[in-house]
Amino acid sequence: MRIRVHGDLHLGQVLVIKGDAYLIDFEGEPARPLSERRGKHSPYKDVSGVLRSFDYAAAMAINVHNVDNTDDAQAARQRVADRYLSEAQQAFIEAYRLAAASLAHEWQDPEGEDAALALFGLEKAAYEVAYEAENRPTWLPVPLHGLYGLLSGLKPFSDLGGE
């Protein structure tokens, strides 16, 4: 099922005011053509966008608090960032699934959800690689790290029930 989605949903598009959350900037990903941004998409596109944005939050935390550049300190920061990323993504997807379970909708297919999230996550990370290469080359390691992580988690076709 396709619906109207935000199109560029990430943590930077969420404003929290007096305990309430507001989503902003519904124009979609700036590098995509307007006709594509106006189209209907799977809601998993926005879910994947939020999941990917936790990677940027972790990278920002590492870069902002980078006072000790020793290898041990960098490795420790990376371990903390990786743990945050895993726990934040898991908490978000669990909350999403809990909220979505109470809605009547055709798009939620529990058996295909992980595959859809992987597909949209890969698409988002690939978009981010192109965007960062063009606009913020110093940020290119963030989507490359995410893309590598997503690709590393894919199963070979032979593991998908084929012969």
Protein backbone atom coordinates (compact mmCIF):
# COMPACT_ATOMS: atom_id res chain seq x y z
CA MET A 1 0.00 0.00 0.00
CA ARG A 2 1.17 3.48 -0.77
CA ILE A 3 0.19 6.59 1.15
CA ARG A 4 1.36 10.17 1.41
CA VAL A 5 4.45 10.21 3.58
CA HIS A 6 6.76 12.87 4.96
CA GLY A 7 9.47 11.82 2.54
CA ASP A 8 12.46 13.07 4.54
CA LEU A 9 11.58 12.11 8.10
CA HIS A 10 14.50 12.17 10.51
CA LEU A 11 15.21 13.43 14.02
CA GLY A 12 15.96 16.93 12.73
CA GLN A 13 12.37 17.17 11.45
CA VAL A 14 10.88 16.64 14.91
CA LEU A 15 10.27 19.60 17.21
CA VAL A 16 9.38 18.90 20.82
CA ILE A 17 7.53 21.76 22.49
CA LYS A 18 6.04 21.46 25.97
CA GLY A 19 6.09 17.67 25.80
CA ASP A 20 4.40 17.49 22.40
CA ALA A 21 6.09 16.44 19.15
CA TYR A 22 5.58 18.28 15.86
CA LEU A 23 6.83 17.12 12.46
CA ILE A 24 8.13 19.85 10.15
CA ASP A 25 9.40 20.30 6.58
CA PHE A 26 7.13 18.08 4.52
CA GLU A 27 8.78 18.92 1.20
CA GLY A 28 10.63 15.58 0.99
CA GLU A 29 14.25 14.87 0.15
CA PRO A 30 15.65 17.96 -1.59
CA ALA A 31 17.67 16.06 -4.22
CA ARG A 32 14.63 14.12 -5.48
CA PRO A 33 12.43 15.46 -8.30
CA LEU A 34 9.22 17.18 -7.19
CA SER A 35 7.08 14.62 -9.04
CA GLU A 36 8.66 11.83 -6.99
CA ARG A 37 8.31 13.76 -3.72
CA ARG A 38 4.59 14.31 -4.38
CA GLY A 39 3.96 10.63 -5.03
CA LYS A 40 2.65 8.05 -2.62
CA HIS A 41 5.08 5.68 -0.94
CA SER A 42 5.23 2.95 1.64
CA PRO A 43 5.09 4.21 5.24
CA TYR A 44 8.24 2.17 5.82
CA LYS A 45 10.09 4.86 3.86
CA ASP A 46 9.62 7.29 6.76
CA VAL A 47 10.26 4.61 9.38
CA SER A 48 13.56 3.83 7.67
CA GLY A 49 14.42 7.53 7.55
CA VAL A 50 14.08 7.82 11.32
CA LEU A 51 16.06 4.61 11.87
CA ARG A 52 18.87 5.97 9.67
CA SER A 53 18.86 9.31 11.51
CA PHE A 54 19.96 7.62 14.73
CA ASP A 55 23.23 6.90 12.91
CA TYR A 56 23.72 10.65 12.37
CA ALA A 57 22.91 11.36 16.02
CA ALA A 58 25.56 8.85 17.13
CA ALA A 59 28.13 10.33 14.73
CA MET A 60 27.38 13.85 15.95
CA ALA A 61 27.90 12.79 19.56
CA ILE A 62 31.26 11.25 18.68
CA ASN A 63 32.40 14.34 16.78
CA VAL A 64 31.17 16.93 19.28
CA HIS A 65 32.79 15.29 22.30
CA ASN A 66 36.06 14.45 20.57
CA VAL A 67 38.53 15.79 23.18
CA ASP A 68 40.70 12.68 23.48
CA ASN A 69 41.96 11.41 20.12
CA THR A 70 43.85 8.38 21.35
CA ASP A 71 42.97 5.10 19.66
CA ASP A 72 41.55 3.72 22.91
CA ALA A 73 39.32 6.76 23.41
CA GLN A 74 38.08 6.66 19.82
CA ALA A 75 37.33 2.94 20.11
CA ALA A 76 35.46 3.52 23.38
CA ARG A 77 33.38 6.32 21.82
CA GLN A 78 32.58 4.10 18.85
CA ARG A 79 31.43 1.28 21.14
CA VAL A 80 29.11 3.66 23.00
CA ALA A 81 27.80 5.07 19.71
CA ASP A 82 27.19 1.58 18.31
CA ARG A 83 25.32 0.57 21.47
CA TYR A 84 23.22 3.76 21.36
CA LEU A 85 22.46 3.17 17.69
CA SER A 86 21.34 -0.40 18.27
CA GLU A 87 19.22 0.42 21.32
CA ALA A 88 17.65 3.57 19.82
CA GLN A 89 16.72 1.79 16.60
CA GLN A 90 15.31 -1.17 18.51
CA ALA A 91 13.26 1.05 20.83
CA PHE A 92 11.89 3.08 17.90
CA ILE A 93 10.88 0.06 15.84
CA GLU A 94 9.26 -1.61 18.87
CA ALA A 95 7.27 1.57 19.60
CA TYR A 96 6.31 1.86 15.92
CA ARG A 97 5.11 -1.74 15.82
CA LEU A 98 3.13 -1.32 19.02
CA ALA A 99 1.41 1.83 17.71
CA ALA A 100 0.81 0.37 14.24
CA ALA A 101 -0.68 -2.85 15.64
CA SER A 102 -3.74 -0.96 16.87
CA LEU A 103 -4.48 0.52 13.43
CA ALA A 104 -6.46 -1.04 10.63
CA HIS A 105 -4.11 -0.95 7.66
CA GLU A 106 -3.16 -3.07 4.70
CA TRP A 107 0.51 -2.16 4.47
CA GLN A 108 1.70 -3.88 7.59
CA ASP A 109 2.86 -7.36 6.73
CA PRO A 110 4.75 -8.80 9.71
CA GLU A 111 6.49 -11.35 7.50
CA GLY A 112 7.65 -8.76 4.99
CA GLU A 113 8.29 -5.87 7.37
CA ASP A 114 11.96 -6.61 8.02
CA ALA A 115 12.61 -6.96 4.29
CA ALA A 116 10.79 -3.69 3.56
CA LEU A 117 12.73 -1.87 6.27
CA ALA A 118 16.01 -3.28 4.92
CA LEU A 119 15.12 -2.19 1.38
CA PHE A 120 14.11 1.33 2.38
CA GLY A 121 17.10 1.59 4.71
CA LEU A 122 19.44 0.72 1.84
CA GLU A 123 17.69 3.21 -0.43
CA LYS A 124 17.97 5.96 2.20
CA ALA A 125 21.64 5.22 2.94
CA ALA A 126 22.47 5.25 -0.79
CA TYR A 127 20.65 8.59 -1.15
CA GLU A 128 22.60 9.93 1.83
CA VAL A 129 25.92 8.87 0.26
CA ALA A 130 25.10 10.85 -2.89
CA TYR A 131 23.75 13.82 -0.91
CA GLU A 132 26.74 14.04 1.44
CA ALA A 133 29.23 13.61 -1.41
CA GLU A 134 27.63 16.59 -3.15
CA ASN A 135 26.85 18.84 -0.18
CA ARG A 136 28.84 17.83 2.92
CA PRO A 137 31.79 15.63 1.98
CA THR A 138 33.13 15.61 5.54
CA TRP A 139 29.93 13.79 6.60
CA LEU A 140 30.33 11.07 3.95
CA PRO A 141 31.64 8.48 6.47
CA VAL A 142 28.27 8.51 8.29
CA PRO A 143 26.12 7.11 5.46
CA LEU A 144 28.97 4.90 4.24
CA HIS A 145 29.19 3.33 7.71
CA GLY A 146 25.42 2.88 7.74
CA LEU A 147 25.35 1.43 4.23
CA TYR A 148 28.10 -1.02 5.16
CA GLY A 149 26.17 -2.07 8.27
CA LEU A 150 22.97 -2.59 6.30
CA LEU A 151 24.73 -4.57 3.57
CA SER A 152 26.53 -6.69 6.16
CA GLY A 153 23.19 -7.72 7.64
CA LEU A 154 21.70 -8.97 4.37
CA LYS A 155 21.29 -12.67 3.81
CA PRO A 156 22.55 -14.27 0.61
CA PHE A 157 19.79 -15.46 -1.74
CA SER A 158 20.75 -19.05 -0.90
CA ASP A 159 19.74 -18.40 2.74
CA LEU A 160 16.27 -17.14 1.81
CA GLY A 161 14.67 -20.55 1.42
CA GLY A 162 15.93 -21.31 -2.06
CA GLU A 163 17.92 -24.34 -3.03
